[in-house]
Amino acid sequence: MVYAFTQDVPIDAGLYRRIVDELGPEPIDGQLLHLCVRREDGGLRYIDVWESAEHCARAFDERIHPAVERAFGGARPSGEPVVHHLDVLDATGLLLQAPR
């Protein structure tokens, strides 16, 4: 079952780019779409779509949190940004892993 959410993060585009660089070019297993947009207040919003909640949890444990810690200089930021789950009714179309 498709799992999707939005998450507002209090970081800028420079730190986001460091996180992306730390993740590397290899696609993340189970991630169908990751969209990062700038909010009016300067922070960022992620819109993520995953094959399942299990794929998402595994990716955060194995790839995303370690990459964030490295981008923050070895320390994990305090607290996790609030996740707003989306009630997906339909997810059609071709979702491609875009080059970074």
C-alpha atoms as a PDB file:
ATOM      1  CA  MET A   1       0.000   0.000   0.000  1.00  0.00           C
ATOM      2  CA  VAL A   2       1.372   3.423  -0.953  1.00  0.00           C
ATOM      3  CA  TYR A   3       2.568   5.519   1.974  1.00  0.00           C
ATOM      4  CA  ALA A   4       2.878   9.300   1.596  1.00  0.00           C
ATOM      5  CA  PHE A   5       3.539  12.295   3.820  1.00  0.00           C
ATOM      6  CA  THR A   6       4.634  15.900   3.990  1.00  0.00           C
ATOM      7  CA  GLN A   7       7.220  17.180   6.422  1.00  0.00           C
ATOM      8  CA  ASP A   8       8.335  20.762   7.081  1.00  0.00           C
ATOM      9  CA  VAL A   9      12.009  20.998   7.961  1.00  0.00           C
ATOM     10  CA  PRO A  10      13.807  24.043   9.398  1.00  0.00           C
ATOM     11  CA  ILE A  11      16.813  23.887   7.091  1.00  0.00           C
ATOM     12  CA  ASP A  12      17.991  25.899   4.097  1.00  0.00           C
ATOM     13  CA  ALA A  13      18.857  24.804   0.575  1.00  0.00           C
ATOM     14  CA  GLY A  14      22.582  24.559   1.391  1.00  0.00           C
ATOM     15  CA  LEU A  15      22.086  22.049   4.192  1.00  0.00           C
ATOM     16  CA  TYR A  16      19.563  20.157   2.073  1.00  0.00           C
ATOM     17  CA  ARG A  17      22.178  19.843  -0.682  1.00  0.00           C
ATOM     18  CA  ARG A  18      24.701  18.443   1.853  1.00  0.00           C
ATOM     19  CA  ILE A  19      22.146  15.833   2.942  1.00  0.00           C
ATOM     20  CA  VAL A  20      21.477  14.867  -0.695  1.00  0.00           C
ATOM     21  CA  ASP A  21      25.223  14.599  -1.320  1.00  0.00           C
ATOM     22  CA  GLU A  22      25.584  12.352   1.739  1.00  0.00           C
ATOM     23  CA  LEU A  23      22.783  10.099   0.458  1.00  0.00           C
ATOM     24  CA  GLY A  24      24.732   9.515  -2.739  1.00  0.00           C
ATOM     25  CA  PRO A  25      23.448   8.750  -6.227  1.00  0.00           C
ATOM     26  CA  GLU A  26      22.048   5.279  -5.486  1.00  0.00           C
ATOM     27  CA  PRO A  27      18.211   5.220  -5.559  1.00  0.00           C
ATOM     28  CA  ILE A  28      16.566   4.584  -2.192  1.00  0.00           C
ATOM     29  CA  ASP A  29      14.702   1.276  -2.148  1.00  0.00           C
ATOM     30  CA  GLY A  30      10.949   1.802  -2.066  1.00  0.00           C
ATOM     31  CA  GLN A  31      10.979   5.565  -2.602  1.00  0.00           C
ATOM     32  CA  LEU A  32       8.655   6.479  -5.453  1.00  0.00           C
ATOM     33  CA  LEU A  33       8.857  10.269  -5.225  1.00  0.00           C
ATOM     34  CA  HIS A  34      10.704  12.870  -3.170  1.00  0.00           C
ATOM     35  CA  LEU A  35       9.819  16.482  -3.801  1.00  0.00           C
ATOM     36  CA  CYS A  36      11.503  19.314  -1.888  1.00  0.00           C
ATOM     37  CA  VAL A  37       9.963  22.793  -2.092  1.00  0.00           C
ATOM     38  CA  ARG A  38      10.877  26.085  -0.441  1.00  0.00           C
ATOM     39  CA  ARG A  39       8.346  27.520   2.008  1.00  0.00           C
ATOM     40  CA  GLU A  40       7.672  31.258   2.281  1.00  0.00           C
ATOM     41  CA  ASP A  41       9.443  31.381   5.677  1.00  0.00           C
ATOM     42  CA  GLY A  42      12.651  30.041   4.083  1.00  0.00           C
ATOM     43  CA  GLY A  43      12.350  26.494   5.418  1.00  0.00           C
ATOM     44  CA  LEU A  44      11.732  23.487   3.230  1.00  0.00           C
ATOM     45  CA  ARG A  45       8.832  21.078   2.782  1.00  0.00           C
ATOM     46  CA  TYR A  46       9.289  17.467   1.746  1.00  0.00           C
ATOM     47  CA  ILE A  47       6.556  15.562  -0.062  1.00  0.00           C
ATOM     48  CA  ASP A  48       7.407  11.864  -0.113  1.00  0.00           C
ATOM     49  CA  VAL A  49       5.692   8.852  -1.644  1.00  0.00           C
ATOM     50  CA  TRP A  50       6.854   5.334  -0.761  1.00  0.00           C
ATOM     51  CA  GLU A  51       5.863   1.836  -1.805  1.00  0.00           C
ATOM     52  CA  SER A  52       4.974   1.149   1.839  1.00  0.00           C
ATOM     53  CA  ALA A  53       5.456   2.450   5.381  1.00  0.00           C
ATOM     54  CA  GLU A  54       7.934  -0.400   5.916  1.00  0.00           C
ATOM     55  CA  HIS A  55      10.115   0.751   2.999  1.00  0.00           C
ATOM     56  CA  CYS A  56      10.060   4.273   4.415  1.00  0.00           C
ATOM     57  CA  ALA A  57      11.002   3.194   7.951  1.00  0.00           C
ATOM     58  CA  ARG A  58      13.853   1.021   6.694  1.00  0.00           C
ATOM     59  CA  ALA A  59      15.183   3.828   4.475  1.00  0.00           C
ATOM     60  CA  PHE A  60      15.181   6.290   7.371  1.00  0.00           C
ATOM     61  CA  ASP A  61      16.994   3.812   9.630  1.00  0.00           C
ATOM     62  CA  GLU A  62      19.545   2.646   7.073  1.00  0.00           C
ATOM     63  CA  ARG A  63      20.177   5.641   4.782  1.00  0.00           C
ATOM     64  CA  ILE A  64      18.404   8.893   5.567  1.00  0.00           C
ATOM     65  CA  HIS A  65      19.135   9.395   9.276  1.00  0.00           C
ATOM     66  CA  PRO A  66      22.830   8.457   8.861  1.00  0.00           C
ATOM     67  CA  ALA A  67      23.114  10.917   5.939  1.00  0.00           C
ATOM     68  CA  VAL A  68      21.466  13.678   7.980  1.00  0.00           C
ATOM     69  CA  GLU A  69      23.840  13.021  10.879  1.00  0.00           C
ATOM     70  CA  ARG A  70      26.859  13.275   8.570  1.00  0.00           C
ATOM     71  CA  ALA A  71      25.518  16.490   6.996  1.00  0.00           C
ATOM     72  CA  PHE A  72      25.095  17.949  10.506  1.00  0.00           C
ATOM     73  CA  GLY A  73      28.712  17.125  11.299  1.00  0.00           C
ATOM     74  CA  GLY A  74      28.147  13.855  13.135  1.00  0.00           C
ATOM     75  CA  ALA A  75      25.368  14.971  15.463  1.00  0.00           C
ATOM     76  CA  ARG A  76      21.757  14.133  14.830  1.00  0.00           C
ATOM     77  CA  PRO A  77      19.521  17.198  15.115  1.00  0.00           C
ATOM     78  CA  SER A  78      17.319  17.232  18.197  1.00  0.00           C
ATOM     79  CA  GLY A  79      13.757  16.169  17.553  1.00  0.00           C
ATOM     80  CA  GLU A  80      12.200  14.871  14.386  1.00  0.00           C
ATOM     81  CA  PRO A  81      10.092  17.282  12.302  1.00  0.00           C
ATOM     82  CA  VAL A  82       6.368  16.554  12.416  1.00  0.00           C
ATOM     83  CA  VAL A  83       5.165  14.179   9.706  1.00  0.00           C
ATOM     84  CA  HIS A  84       1.746  14.832   8.184  1.00  0.00           C
ATOM     85  CA  HIS A  85       0.482  11.577   6.709  1.00  0.00           C
ATOM     86  CA  LEU A  86      -1.498  11.818   3.496  1.00  0.00           C
ATOM     87  CA  ASP A  87      -4.601   9.717   2.873  1.00  0.00           C
ATOM     88  CA  VAL A  88      -3.728   8.570  -0.651  1.00  0.00           C
ATOM     89  CA  LEU A  89      -6.711   7.713  -2.802  1.00  0.00           C
ATOM     90  CA  ASP A  90      -4.806   7.273  -6.044  1.00  0.00           C
ATOM     91  CA  ALA A  91      -1.166   7.287  -7.117  1.00  0.00           C
ATOM     92  CA  THR A  92      -1.089   6.725 -10.851  1.00  0.00           C
ATOM     93  CA  GLY A  93       1.502   7.700 -13.379  1.00  0.00           C
ATOM     94  CA  LEU A  94       5.117   6.901 -13.880  1.00  0.00           C
ATOM     95  CA  LEU A  95       7.359   8.006 -11.027  1.00  0.00           C
ATOM     96  CA  LEU A  96      11.017   8.061 -12.005  1.00  0.00           C
ATOM     97  CA  GLN A  97      14.172   8.395  -9.946  1.00  0.00           C
ATOM     98  CA  ALA A  98      15.396  11.793 -11.153  1.00  0.00           C
ATOM     99  CA  PRO A  99      19.104  12.519 -11.300  1.00  0.00           C
ATOM    100  CA  ARG A 100      20.352  14.580  -8.368  1.00  0.00           C
END
